[in-house]
Each structure stands twice: as C-alpha cells, then as structure tokens.
C-alpha cells in the first residue's frame, strides 16, 4: 500500500503544535470542501486532509504514526509495510453518526469498524462549522460604566468558488452591558466565519479593552483617583470636592494624612453585583511658588518641629 505522509498533506512540520495542525486542517478543509471548491480533485483531497487530521490531532495516534514512519519499510515495489506483527493500541471506531471513509493505509494501521456512508440528498451535505473570529473593542471608562452600543468592523473569512480563503469586512452593532470588565470577552453568536453544508456559523469573540483615562485608574470594578493636597491641608485636614463616575462629591481628608493614604467610597466604582468601590488616594504636594512670607513660616515650622521624617536620622 502507498505510504501517506500526513504532515506533508497538511503542510506542517513534524514538530507542529496541535494548534498549528488544527489551523492547517481548517484552511485546507475549506479549500477542498466539495460544496464550495471547483477543483477537480476536491473531494479526494478533502478526504485526505480529514484523514491526516484524524491521526495528527490525536496524541496517541500521532505517536503511533510517528513510530511507524520511523520503523516501517518500503518493499521493492515501493509499497509501505508496517513492522511485523504490528497491532495498533488506538483502534479507530466510528459510530453510525460519524462514519468516514479512510484509506487502506489508515485501516491497516488503526483498523475500522463501520464503513463510509454519505446518504444522498440536499440535507446530507458534508457539514463544516464556521470559524470563530477574534477582535478587540477599545472603550472609554464612561462607556463601560454606563453601557453602550458600538459599531465594530471585523474581517470574516470566506471561501470563493474555488475553495480559496479570502476575507471581507463586516460591520456589526454590538451592545456592551454596563460594568463590563476590561479583558472580558463578549461572544456574539453566529457572527463569525460562515458555515458550509448546513453547519453552524462561527461566533465573534470580542475582547474589551479600556482606553487610558486622564483622571481615573481601574482595577476590576474598583476605580481610583489620586487627589493632590497641599502640606497644610494634609497637616490640618480639609474637605475636597472630587469627581466620581456618577457625580461630584465632598470628601474629608483627615488631619495628619500622608501621601498614599487611601479613603474608600463604597459602591461608587463600576456597576455589578456587588458594585465596585471608589478609592481616593492622597498625594501631598508642594506649591509651585514659595514667596518670602511662606519661607518665613516654613522656617518657623522647622525651628518648632525639628523631628526628621527619615528613620535613619532619628535618635534612639
């Protein structure tokens, strides 16, 4: 029997990963699918591609095939012969719902129970599901907070009359629920690659990406705002009006606050169940200009309060 180089049929290296094998199979299966391809040998090539994938997608069958490829021999007539007393440990069995036609080479290696069966009729075409399409959608924090509807453009694979894959641009209106987290993936059913032969269309998997915000930072559903305060405001305490996602509000900065002190406003982050919190982070800053009067006051403060903030300078 003729030896079949399954790696060559799929156009992959012998060290190809499972993902690489799957991608190669999908590309070639669409190219040679009898329902779309106009190539003369499309159906035969489709069967060979399916057979190669049947072996290489399965870890155990692939191992056996690699061993056979290395230890089998070619007869004088150029025909491949398995090693003596070869018996597969990974027999192939097909159910009546999943019957396929495999070559003599495949059956001699893995066996087969059941035969190829393809009923005639419009409802019994070779089915192939469409591919999922992955894309990103960048949103403003305010859009994620309120929820929004966006138009997205995606490139969808489709096969031409010769089975060759090309892409077309497709526009969709997508609803993003309020409080959707950055990195979340929205699945839009049936909006991916088209199916063949009555299969199921692929889905659009839309990953949410958050655009940088000039004021707020986000961690999950929690939102933070850095609030600069002057030294005397931090020392004496003060009230500051700050923006949040919902509205402006007044917060009290406690006396003696240091840079990095965090105040929590429960439930004022992104919506959810439960909603996130809003964090106020204090940052003590020096005024940009210091006049003579201010310098005199600082000098008085230095003379009155001489304790160093540096731990290595403190007296034991």
C-alpha atoms as a PDB file:
ATOM      1  CA  UNK A   1       0.000   0.000   0.000  1.00  0.00           C
ATOM      2  CA  UNK A   2       1.092   3.591  -0.562  1.00  0.00           C
ATOM      3  CA  UNK A   3       2.566   5.402   2.411  1.00  0.00           C
ATOM      4  CA  UNK A   4       0.731   8.600   3.350  1.00  0.00           C
ATOM      5  CA  UNK A   5       2.758  11.455   4.753  1.00  0.00           C
ATOM      6  CA  UNK A   6       0.105  13.140   6.880  1.00  0.00           C
ATOM      7  CA  UNK A   7       2.403  16.021   7.781  1.00  0.00           C
ATOM      8  CA  UNK A   8       3.030  16.761   4.107  1.00  0.00           C
ATOM      9  CA  UNK A   9      -0.703  16.527   3.325  1.00  0.00           C
ATOM     10  CA  UNK A  10      -1.462  19.205   5.942  1.00  0.00           C
ATOM     11  CA  UNK A  11       1.624  21.220   5.019  1.00  0.00           C
ATOM     12  CA  UNK A  12       3.048  21.271   8.576  1.00  0.00           C
ATOM     13  CA  UNK A  13       6.369  20.339  10.160  1.00  0.00           C
ATOM     14  CA  UNK A  14       6.732  17.090  12.083  1.00  0.00           C
ATOM     15  CA  UNK A  15       7.124  19.158  15.270  1.00  0.00           C
ATOM     16  CA  UNK A  16       3.975  21.198  14.608  1.00  0.00           C
ATOM     17  CA  UNK A  17       1.832  22.027  17.635  1.00  0.00           C
ATOM     18  CA  UNK A  18      -1.779  20.923  17.998  1.00  0.00           C
ATOM     19  CA  UNK A  19      -2.896  24.493  17.239  1.00  0.00           C
ATOM     20  CA  UNK A  20      -0.805  24.620  14.065  1.00  0.00           C
ATOM     21  CA  UNK A  21      -2.249  21.296  12.921  1.00  0.00           C
ATOM     22  CA  UNK A  22      -5.800  22.459  13.613  1.00  0.00           C
ATOM     23  CA  UNK A  23      -5.285  25.723  11.712  1.00  0.00           C
ATOM     24  CA  UNK A  24      -3.787  23.897   8.733  1.00  0.00           C
ATOM     25  CA  UNK A  25      -6.694  21.458   8.680  1.00  0.00           C
ATOM     26  CA  UNK A  26      -9.321  24.203   8.758  1.00  0.00           C
ATOM     27  CA  UNK A  27      -7.594  26.122   5.982  1.00  0.00           C
ATOM     28  CA  UNK A  28      -7.283  23.091   3.690  1.00  0.00           C
ATOM     29  CA  UNK A  29     -10.685  21.630   4.547  1.00  0.00           C
ATOM     30  CA  UNK A  30     -12.338  24.865   3.472  1.00  0.00           C
ATOM     31  CA  UNK A  31     -10.236  24.996   0.334  1.00  0.00           C
ATOM     32  CA  UNK A  32     -11.205  21.479  -0.750  1.00  0.00           C
ATOM     33  CA  UNK A  33     -14.707  21.210   0.694  1.00  0.00           C
ATOM     34  CA  UNK A  34     -16.808  19.668  -2.134  1.00  0.00           C
ATOM     35  CA  UNK A  35     -19.680  22.064  -1.505  1.00  0.00           C
ATOM     36  CA  UNK A  36     -17.584  25.131  -2.403  1.00  0.00           C
ATOM     37  CA  UNK A  37     -14.447  24.012  -4.259  1.00  0.00           C
ATOM     38  CA  UNK A  38     -14.361  23.799  -8.041  1.00  0.00           C
ATOM     39  CA  UNK A  39     -11.072  21.916  -8.183  1.00  0.00           C
ATOM     40  CA  UNK A  40     -11.343  18.566  -9.964  1.00  0.00           C
ATOM     41  CA  UNK A  41      -9.861  16.504  -7.133  1.00  0.00           C
ATOM     42  CA  UNK A  42     -11.538  18.487  -4.334  1.00  0.00           C
ATOM     43  CA  UNK A  43     -13.452  15.605  -2.748  1.00  0.00           C
ATOM     44  CA  UNK A  44     -10.434  13.279  -2.762  1.00  0.00           C
ATOM     45  CA  UNK A  45      -8.197  15.979  -1.289  1.00  0.00           C
ATOM     46  CA  UNK A  46     -10.851  16.760   1.315  1.00  0.00           C
ATOM     47  CA  UNK A  47     -10.826  13.098   2.403  1.00  0.00           C
ATOM     48  CA  UNK A  48      -7.022  13.020   2.609  1.00  0.00           C
ATOM     49  CA  UNK A  49      -6.927  16.197   4.673  1.00  0.00           C
ATOM     50  CA  UNK A  50      -9.620  14.818   7.009  1.00  0.00           C
ATOM     51  CA  UNK A  51      -7.725  11.537   7.380  1.00  0.00           C
ATOM     52  CA  UNK A  52      -4.445  13.304   8.148  1.00  0.00           C
ATOM     53  CA  UNK A  53      -6.169  15.439  10.773  1.00  0.00           C
ATOM     54  CA  UNK A  54      -7.876  12.370  12.284  1.00  0.00           C
ATOM     55  CA  UNK A  55      -4.429  10.950  13.046  1.00  0.00           C
ATOM     56  CA  UNK A  56      -2.379  14.040  13.915  1.00  0.00           C
ATOM     57  CA  UNK A  57      -4.966  15.677  16.185  1.00  0.00           C
ATOM     58  CA  UNK A  58      -4.934  12.601  18.460  1.00  0.00           C
ATOM     59  CA  UNK A  59      -1.872  12.380  20.715  1.00  0.00           C
ATOM     60  CA  UNK A  60      -1.773   8.573  20.848  1.00  0.00           C
ATOM     61  CA  UNK A  61      -2.440   8.020  17.150  1.00  0.00           C
ATOM     62  CA  UNK A  62       0.171  10.613  16.270  1.00  0.00           C
ATOM     63  CA  UNK A  63       2.745   8.843  18.425  1.00  0.00           C
ATOM     64  CA  UNK A  64       1.952   5.519  16.765  1.00  0.00           C
ATOM     65  CA  UNK A  65       2.110   7.099  13.314  1.00  0.00           C
ATOM     66  CA  UNK A  66       5.500   8.682  14.069  1.00  0.00           C
ATOM     67  CA  UNK A  67       6.823   5.303  15.242  1.00  0.00           C
ATOM     68  CA  UNK A  68       5.540   3.617  12.100  1.00  0.00           C
ATOM     69  CA  UNK A  69       7.031   6.297   9.914  1.00  0.00           C
ATOM     70  CA  UNK A  70      10.412   5.633  11.503  1.00  0.00           C
ATOM     71  CA  UNK A  71      10.261   1.824  11.733  1.00  0.00           C
ATOM     72  CA  UNK A  72       8.182   0.795   8.713  1.00  0.00           C
ATOM     73  CA  UNK A  73       9.808  -0.287   5.478  1.00  0.00           C
ATOM     74  CA  UNK A  74       9.378   0.101   1.759  1.00  0.00           C
ATOM     75  CA  UNK A  75       9.134  -3.023  -0.365  1.00  0.00           C
ATOM     76  CA  UNK A  76      10.811  -3.454  -3.720  1.00  0.00           C
ATOM     77  CA  UNK A  77       7.690  -2.179  -5.420  1.00  0.00           C
ATOM     78  CA  UNK A  78       7.786   0.999  -3.370  1.00  0.00           C
ATOM     79  CA  UNK A  79       4.856  -0.060  -1.190  1.00  0.00           C
ATOM     80  CA  UNK A  80       4.902   0.648   2.538  1.00  0.00           C
ATOM     81  CA  UNK A  81       4.799  -2.231   5.012  1.00  0.00           C
ATOM     82  CA  UNK A  82       4.235  -1.887   8.772  1.00  0.00           C
ATOM     83  CA  UNK A  83       6.675  -3.687  11.124  1.00  0.00           C
ATOM     84  CA  UNK A  84       5.990  -7.426  11.590  1.00  0.00           C
ATOM     85  CA  UNK A  85       3.091  -8.274  13.922  1.00  0.00           C
ATOM     86  CA  UNK A  86       2.076  -4.640  14.090  1.00  0.00           C
ATOM     87  CA  UNK A  87      -1.108  -4.025  16.048  1.00  0.00           C
ATOM     88  CA  UNK A  88      -2.449  -0.618  16.959  1.00  0.00           C
ATOM     89  CA  UNK A  89      -3.292   0.202  20.562  1.00  0.00           C
ATOM     90  CA  UNK A  90      -5.519   3.050  19.417  1.00  0.00           C
ATOM     91  CA  UNK A  91      -8.040   1.341  17.155  1.00  0.00           C
ATOM     92  CA  UNK A  92     -10.365   3.632  15.281  1.00  0.00           C
ATOM     93  CA  UNK A  93     -14.066   3.057  15.830  1.00  0.00           C
ATOM     94  CA  UNK A  94     -16.760   5.137  14.189  1.00  0.00           C
ATOM     95  CA  UNK A  95     -20.363   5.398  15.222  1.00  0.00           C
ATOM     96  CA  UNK A  96     -23.165   5.360  12.618  1.00  0.00           C
ATOM     97  CA  UNK A  97     -23.472   9.114  13.208  1.00  0.00           C
ATOM     98  CA  UNK A  98     -19.779   9.695  12.448  1.00  0.00           C
ATOM     99  CA  UNK A  99     -18.845   7.364   9.646  1.00  0.00           C
ATOM    100  CA  UNK A 100     -15.926   8.326   7.436  1.00  0.00           C
ATOM    101  CA  UNK A 101     -14.064   6.790   4.521  1.00  0.00           C
ATOM    102  CA  UNK A 102     -10.393   6.182   5.205  1.00  0.00           C
ATOM    103  CA  UNK A 103      -7.630   4.846   3.012  1.00  0.00           C
ATOM    104  CA  UNK A 104      -6.249   1.293   3.070  1.00  0.00           C
ATOM    105  CA  UNK A 105      -3.137   2.771   4.662  1.00  0.00           C
ATOM    106  CA  UNK A 106      -5.155   4.166   7.588  1.00  0.00           C
ATOM    107  CA  UNK A 107      -7.191   0.973   8.061  1.00  0.00           C
ATOM    108  CA  UNK A 108      -4.080  -1.223   8.012  1.00  0.00           C
ATOM    109  CA  UNK A 109      -2.629   0.832  10.861  1.00  0.00           C
ATOM    110  CA  UNK A 110      -5.624   1.653  13.037  1.00  0.00           C
ATOM    111  CA  UNK A 111      -8.429  -0.607  11.862  1.00  0.00           C
ATOM    112  CA  UNK A 112     -12.001   0.482  11.299  1.00  0.00           C
ATOM    113  CA  UNK A 113     -15.405  -0.582  12.434  1.00  0.00           C
ATOM    114  CA  UNK A 114     -18.166   0.565  10.138  1.00  0.00           C
ATOM    115  CA  UNK A 115     -17.957   1.926   6.614  1.00  0.00           C
ATOM    116  CA  UNK A 116     -18.171   5.246   4.904  1.00  0.00           C
ATOM    117  CA  UNK A 117     -21.732   6.353   4.458  1.00  0.00           C
ATOM    118  CA  UNK A 118     -22.870   9.510   2.766  1.00  0.00           C
ATOM    119  CA  UNK A 119     -26.613   9.498   2.108  1.00  0.00           C
ATOM    120  CA  UNK A 120     -27.784  11.331  -0.969  1.00  0.00           C
ATOM    121  CA  UNK A 121     -29.999  14.355  -0.698  1.00  0.00           C
ATOM    122  CA  UNK A 122     -29.858  18.075  -0.114  1.00  0.00           C
ATOM    123  CA  UNK A 123     -29.952  17.689   3.646  1.00  0.00           C
ATOM    124  CA  UNK A 124     -26.917  15.405   3.812  1.00  0.00           C
ATOM    125  CA  UNK A 125     -24.055  17.535   2.560  1.00  0.00           C
ATOM    126  CA  UNK A 126     -20.616  17.493   4.127  1.00  0.00           C
ATOM    127  CA  UNK A 127     -21.021  19.859   7.049  1.00  0.00           C
ATOM    128  CA  UNK A 128     -18.355  22.230   8.305  1.00  0.00           C
ATOM    129  CA  UNK A 129     -18.820  24.775  11.068  1.00  0.00           C
ATOM    130  CA  UNK A 130     -17.601  28.320  10.552  1.00  0.00           C
ATOM    131  CA  UNK A 131     -14.522  29.647  12.325  1.00  0.00           C
ATOM    132  CA  UNK A 132     -14.732  31.878  15.383  1.00  0.00           C
ATOM    133  CA  UNK A 133     -13.432  35.393  14.765  1.00  0.00           C
ATOM    134  CA  UNK A 134     -11.456  37.238  17.463  1.00  0.00           C
ATOM    135  CA  UNK A 135     -11.371  41.041  17.719  1.00  0.00           C
ATOM    136  CA  UNK A 136     -10.799  43.829  20.269  1.00  0.00           C
ATOM    137  CA  UNK A 137     -13.029  46.774  21.152  1.00  0.00           C
ATOM    138  CA  UNK A 138     -11.473  49.802  22.903  1.00  0.00           C
ATOM    139  CA  UNK A 139     -13.903  51.760  25.098  1.00  0.00           C
ATOM    140  CA  UNK A 140     -13.800  54.795  27.357  1.00  0.00           C
ATOM    141  CA  UNK A 141     -14.321  54.244  31.076  1.00  0.00           C
ATOM    142  CA  UNK A 142     -17.555  56.244  30.931  1.00  0.00           C
ATOM    143  CA  UNK A 143     -18.869  53.945  28.172  1.00  0.00           C
ATOM    144  CA  UNK A 144     -18.106  50.848  30.232  1.00  0.00           C
ATOM    145  CA  UNK A 145     -19.707  52.459  33.289  1.00  0.00           C
ATOM    146  CA  UNK A 146     -22.975  53.335  31.540  1.00  0.00           C
ATOM    147  CA  UNK A 147     -23.083  50.540  28.968  1.00  0.00           C
ATOM    148  CA  UNK A 148     -23.141  51.429  25.296  1.00  0.00           C
ATOM    149  CA  UNK A 149     -23.782  50.304  21.746  1.00  0.00           C
ATOM    150  CA  UNK A 150     -20.872  50.369  19.320  1.00  0.00           C
ATOM    151  CA  UNK A 151     -20.276  49.664  15.639  1.00  0.00           C
ATOM    152  CA  UNK A 152     -17.387  47.260  15.090  1.00  0.00           C
ATOM    153  CA  UNK A 153     -15.664  46.229  11.871  1.00  0.00           C
ATOM    154  CA  UNK A 154     -14.318  42.699  11.608  1.00  0.00           C
ATOM    155  CA  UNK A 155     -12.632  40.663   8.882  1.00  0.00           C
ATOM    156  CA  UNK A 156     -14.567  37.467   8.231  1.00  0.00           C
ATOM    157  CA  UNK A 157     -13.018  34.509   6.333  1.00  0.00           C
ATOM    158  CA  UNK A 158     -14.982  33.055   3.447  1.00  0.00           C
ATOM    159  CA  UNK A 159     -14.271  30.617   0.639  1.00  0.00           C
ATOM    160  CA  UNK A 160     -14.611  31.560  -3.019  1.00  0.00           C
ATOM    161  CA  UNK A 161     -15.938  29.217  -5.718  1.00  0.00           C
ATOM    162  CA  UNK A 162     -12.545  27.513  -5.913  1.00  0.00           C
ATOM    163  CA  UNK A 163     -12.374  26.961  -2.162  1.00  0.00           C
ATOM    164  CA  UNK A 164      -9.661  29.581  -1.628  1.00  0.00           C
ATOM    165  CA  UNK A 165      -9.968  31.617   1.561  1.00  0.00           C
ATOM    166  CA  UNK A 166     -10.311  35.388   1.416  1.00  0.00           C
ATOM    167  CA  UNK A 167     -11.638  37.961   3.868  1.00  0.00           C
ATOM    168  CA  UNK A 168     -14.350  40.566   3.718  1.00  0.00           C
ATOM    169  CA  UNK A 169     -15.084  43.450   6.076  1.00  0.00           C
ATOM    170  CA  UNK A 170     -18.274  43.114   8.080  1.00  0.00           C
ATOM    171  CA  UNK A 171     -19.914  45.837  10.225  1.00  0.00           C
ATOM    172  CA  UNK A 172     -21.928  44.990  13.350  1.00  0.00           C
ATOM    173  CA  UNK A 173     -23.738  46.919  16.094  1.00  0.00           C
ATOM    174  CA  UNK A 174     -22.743  45.453  19.445  1.00  0.00           C
ATOM    175  CA  UNK A 175     -24.266  46.134  22.861  1.00  0.00           C
ATOM    176  CA  UNK A 176     -21.821  46.305  25.766  1.00  0.00           C
ATOM    177  CA  UNK A 177     -23.523  45.816  29.168  1.00  0.00           C
ATOM    178  CA  UNK A 178     -22.835  48.372  31.913  1.00  0.00           C
ATOM    179  CA  UNK A 179     -19.986  47.352  34.192  1.00  0.00           C
ATOM    180  CA  UNK A 180     -18.292  45.027  31.678  1.00  0.00           C
ATOM    181  CA  UNK A 181     -14.764  44.428  32.979  1.00  0.00           C
ATOM    182  CA  UNK A 182     -11.639  45.155  30.977  1.00  0.00           C
ATOM    183  CA  UNK A 183     -10.431  41.908  29.386  1.00  0.00           C
ATOM    184  CA  UNK A 184     -13.925  40.403  29.342  1.00  0.00           C
ATOM    185  CA  UNK A 185     -14.844  38.590  26.120  1.00  0.00           C
ATOM    186  CA  UNK A 186     -18.279  39.108  24.621  1.00  0.00           C
ATOM    187  CA  UNK A 187     -19.485  36.195  22.484  1.00  0.00           C
ATOM    188  CA  UNK A 188     -21.810  37.235  19.647  1.00  0.00           C
ATOM    189  CA  UNK A 189     -23.386  34.071  18.305  1.00  0.00           C
ATOM    190  CA  UNK A 190     -23.297  33.341  14.597  1.00  0.00           C
ATOM    191  CA  UNK A 191     -21.335  36.458  13.597  1.00  0.00           C
ATOM    192  CA  UNK A 192     -18.026  34.758  12.861  1.00  0.00           C
ATOM    193  CA  UNK A 193     -16.980  32.809   9.780  1.00  0.00           C
ATOM    194  CA  UNK A 194     -19.738  31.321   7.572  1.00  0.00           C
ATOM    195  CA  UNK A 195     -20.504  27.617   7.664  1.00  0.00           C
ATOM    196  CA  UNK A 196     -20.508  25.165   4.770  1.00  0.00           C
ATOM    197  CA  UNK A 197     -23.059  22.474   4.014  1.00  0.00           C
ATOM    198  CA  UNK A 198     -25.540  23.454   6.693  1.00  0.00           C
ATOM    199  CA  UNK A 199     -23.031  23.623   9.541  1.00  0.00           C
ATOM    200  CA  UNK A 200     -23.104  26.180  12.355  1.00  0.00           C
ATOM    201  CA  UNK A 201     -21.715  29.668  11.718  1.00  0.00           C
ATOM    202  CA  UNK A 202     -18.782  30.710  13.895  1.00  0.00           C
ATOM    203  CA  UNK A 203     -19.059  33.273  16.684  1.00  0.00           C
ATOM    204  CA  UNK A 204     -17.487  36.684  17.142  1.00  0.00           C
ATOM    205  CA  UNK A 205     -15.355  36.810  20.314  1.00  0.00           C
ATOM    206  CA  UNK A 206     -14.945  40.478  21.197  1.00  0.00           C
ATOM    207  CA  UNK A 207     -12.359  41.319  23.872  1.00  0.00           C
ATOM    208  CA  UNK A 208     -12.999  44.552  25.773  1.00  0.00           C
ATOM    209  CA  UNK A 209     -10.040  46.906  26.085  1.00  0.00           C
ATOM    210  CA  UNK A 210     -10.143  50.019  28.290  1.00  0.00           C
ATOM    211  CA  UNK A 211      -8.684  53.249  26.896  1.00  0.00           C
ATOM    212  CA  UNK A 212      -6.457  55.203  29.359  1.00  0.00           C
ATOM    213  CA  UNK A 213      -8.349  57.803  31.410  1.00  0.00           C
ATOM    214  CA  UNK A 214      -6.851  61.213  32.318  1.00  0.00           C
ATOM    215  CA  UNK A 215      -8.048  61.032  35.959  1.00  0.00           C
ATOM    216  CA  UNK A 216      -9.114  57.523  36.955  1.00  0.00           C
ATOM    217  CA  UNK A 217      -7.403  54.143  37.127  1.00  0.00           C
ATOM    218  CA  UNK A 218      -9.329  50.869  37.171  1.00  0.00           C
ATOM    219  CA  UNK A 219      -8.695  47.553  38.906  1.00  0.00           C
ATOM    220  CA  UNK A 220     -11.506  45.112  38.142  1.00  0.00           C
ATOM    221  CA  UNK A 221     -14.630  47.018  39.196  1.00  0.00           C
ATOM    222  CA  UNK A 222     -12.791  49.368  41.588  1.00  0.00           C
ATOM    223  CA  UNK A 223     -11.927  52.903  40.442  1.00  0.00           C
ATOM    224  CA  UNK A 224      -9.198  55.095  41.974  1.00  0.00           C
ATOM    225  CA  UNK A 225      -8.452  58.828  41.879  1.00  0.00           C
ATOM    226  CA  UNK A 226      -5.237  60.465  43.083  1.00  0.00           C
ATOM    227  CA  UNK A 227      -6.135  63.687  44.970  1.00  0.00           C
ATOM    228  CA  UNK A 228      -3.275  66.211  45.410  1.00  0.00           C
ATOM    229  CA  UNK A 229      -3.357  68.213  48.678  1.00  0.00           C
ATOM    230  CA  UNK A 230      -1.079  70.953  49.983  1.00  0.00           C
ATOM    231  CA  UNK A 231       1.099  70.332  53.055  1.00  0.00           C
ATOM    232  CA  UNK A 232      -1.079  72.432  55.396  1.00  0.00           C
ATOM    233  CA  UNK A 233      -4.234  70.729  54.066  1.00  0.00           C
ATOM    234  CA  UNK A 234      -2.694  67.358  54.858  1.00  0.00           C
ATOM    235  CA  UNK A 235      -1.497  68.561  58.276  1.00  0.00           C
ATOM    236  CA  UNK A 236      -4.722  70.271  59.371  1.00  0.00           C
ATOM    237  CA  UNK A 237      -7.243  68.179  57.435  1.00  0.00           C
ATOM    238  CA  UNK A 238      -9.603  69.606  54.814  1.00  0.00           C
ATOM    239  CA  UNK A 239     -12.661  68.958  52.652  1.00  0.00           C
ATOM    240  CA  UNK A 240     -12.145  68.497  48.909  1.00  0.00           C
ATOM    241  CA  UNK A 241     -14.673  68.264  46.073  1.00  0.00           C
ATOM    242  CA  UNK A 242     -13.785  65.379  43.738  1.00  0.00           C
ATOM    243  CA  UNK A 243     -15.302  63.872  40.563  1.00  0.00           C
ATOM    244  CA  UNK A 244     -16.552  60.269  40.510  1.00  0.00           C
ATOM    245  CA  UNK A 245     -18.156  58.280  37.697  1.00  0.00           C
ATOM    246  CA  UNK A 246     -21.607  59.209  38.991  1.00  0.00           C
ATOM    247  CA  UNK A 247     -21.286  62.787  40.253  1.00  0.00           C
ATOM    248  CA  UNK A 248     -19.088  65.218  42.182  1.00  0.00           C
ATOM    249  CA  UNK A 249     -18.897  64.681  45.910  1.00  0.00           C
ATOM    250  CA  UNK A 250     -17.169  66.131  49.001  1.00  0.00           C
ATOM    251  CA  UNK A 251     -14.637  64.035  50.908  1.00  0.00           C
ATOM    252  CA  UNK A 252     -12.863  64.789  54.176  1.00  0.00           C
ATOM    253  CA  UNK A 253      -9.082  64.429  54.221  1.00  0.00           C
ATOM    254  CA  UNK A 254      -8.149  63.571  57.837  1.00  0.00           C
ATOM    255  CA  UNK A 255      -5.595  65.735  59.658  1.00  0.00           C
ATOM    256  CA  UNK A 256      -2.079  64.319  59.506  1.00  0.00           C
ATOM    257  CA  UNK A 257      -2.656  62.464  56.201  1.00  0.00           C
ATOM    258  CA  UNK A 258       0.430  61.241  54.366  1.00  0.00           C
ATOM    259  CA  UNK A 259       0.945  60.532  50.666  1.00  0.00           C
ATOM    260  CA  UNK A 260      -0.604  57.163  49.823  1.00  0.00           C
ATOM    261  CA  UNK A 261      -3.393  57.313  52.395  1.00  0.00           C
ATOM    262  CA  UNK A 262      -6.482  55.692  50.873  1.00  0.00           C
ATOM    263  CA  UNK A 263     -10.125  56.551  51.536  1.00  0.00           C
ATOM    264  CA  UNK A 264     -12.886  54.217  50.304  1.00  0.00           C
ATOM    265  CA  UNK A 265     -16.271  55.313  48.939  1.00  0.00           C
ATOM    266  CA  UNK A 266     -18.301  52.101  48.902  1.00  0.00           C
ATOM    267  CA  UNK A 267     -20.307  51.250  45.800  1.00  0.00           C
ATOM    268  CA  UNK A 268     -19.148  54.201  43.671  1.00  0.00           C
ATOM    269  CA  UNK A 269     -16.993  52.126  41.311  1.00  0.00           C
ATOM    270  CA  UNK A 270     -18.219  50.240  38.241  1.00  0.00           C
ATOM    271  CA  UNK A 271     -21.694  48.669  38.459  1.00  0.00           C
ATOM    272  CA  UNK A 272     -22.062  44.997  39.237  1.00  0.00           C
ATOM    273  CA  UNK A 273     -23.310  42.568  41.832  1.00  0.00           C
ATOM    274  CA  UNK A 274     -21.780  43.766  44.078  1.00  0.00           C
ATOM    275  CA  UNK A 275     -20.654  47.090  42.569  1.00  0.00           C
ATOM    276  CA  UNK A 276     -17.043  48.206  42.811  1.00  0.00           C
ATOM    277  CA  UNK A 277     -15.711  50.841  45.202  1.00  0.00           C
ATOM    278  CA  UNK A 278     -14.177  54.268  44.571  1.00  0.00           C
ATOM    279  CA  UNK A 279     -10.799  54.907  46.206  1.00  0.00           C
ATOM    280  CA  UNK A 280      -9.370  58.342  46.977  1.00  0.00           C
ATOM    281  CA  UNK A 281      -5.557  58.268  47.196  1.00  0.00           C
ATOM    282  CA  UNK A 282      -3.961  61.244  48.944  1.00  0.00           C
ATOM    283  CA  UNK A 283      -0.831  62.818  47.443  1.00  0.00           C
ATOM    284  CA  UNK A 284       0.881  65.624  49.377  1.00  0.00           C
ATOM    285  CA  UNK A 285       2.428  68.177  47.006  1.00  0.00           C
ATOM    286  CA  UNK A 286       4.454  71.350  47.496  1.00  0.00           C
ATOM    287  CA  UNK A 287       3.130  74.597  45.977  1.00  0.00           C
ATOM    288  CA  UNK A 288       4.931  75.567  42.779  1.00  0.00           C
ATOM    289  CA  UNK A 289       5.989  79.015  44.047  1.00  0.00           C
ATOM    290  CA  UNK A 290       7.114  79.851  47.586  1.00  0.00           C
ATOM    291  CA  UNK A 291       7.345  83.599  48.444  1.00  0.00           C
ATOM    292  CA  UNK A 292       9.336  85.208  51.259  1.00  0.00           C
ATOM    293  CA  UNK A 293       6.414  85.174  53.679  1.00  0.00           C
ATOM    294  CA  UNK A 294       5.872  81.460  53.096  1.00  0.00           C
ATOM    295  CA  UNK A 295       9.580  80.807  53.554  1.00  0.00           C
ATOM    296  CA  UNK A 296       9.490  82.579  56.902  1.00  0.00           C
ATOM    297  CA  UNK A 297       6.597  80.408  58.022  1.00  0.00           C
ATOM    298  CA  UNK A 298       8.453  77.270  56.929  1.00  0.00           C
ATOM    299  CA  UNK A 299      11.493  78.472  58.857  1.00  0.00           C
ATOM    300  CA  UNK A 300       9.382  78.888  61.992  1.00  0.00           C
ATOM    301  CA  UNK A 301       7.932  75.422  61.467  1.00  0.00           C
ATOM    302  CA  UNK A 302      11.423  73.930  61.056  1.00  0.00           C
ATOM    303  CA  UNK A 303      12.573  75.542  64.316  1.00  0.00           C
ATOM    304  CA  UNK A 304       9.440  74.478  66.182  1.00  0.00           C
ATOM    305  CA  UNK A 305       9.218  70.932  64.814  1.00  0.00           C
ATOM    306  CA  UNK A 306      12.703  69.573  64.388  1.00  0.00           C
ATOM    307  CA  UNK A 307      11.882  65.845  64.136  1.00  0.00           C
ATOM    308  CA  UNK A 308      13.281  64.237  60.979  1.00  0.00           C
ATOM    309  CA  UNK A 309      10.951  62.067  58.843  1.00  0.00           C
ATOM    310  CA  UNK A 310      13.958  59.897  57.883  1.00  0.00           C
ATOM    311  CA  UNK A 311      14.132  56.837  60.134  1.00  0.00           C
ATOM    312  CA  UNK A 312      17.918  56.526  59.908  1.00  0.00           C
ATOM    313  CA  UNK A 313      18.290  60.066  61.340  1.00  0.00           C
ATOM    314  CA  UNK A 314      16.066  59.561  64.351  1.00  0.00           C
ATOM    315  CA  UNK A 315      17.709  59.464  67.769  1.00  0.00           C
ATOM    316  CA  UNK A 316      17.432  56.132  69.638  1.00  0.00           C
END
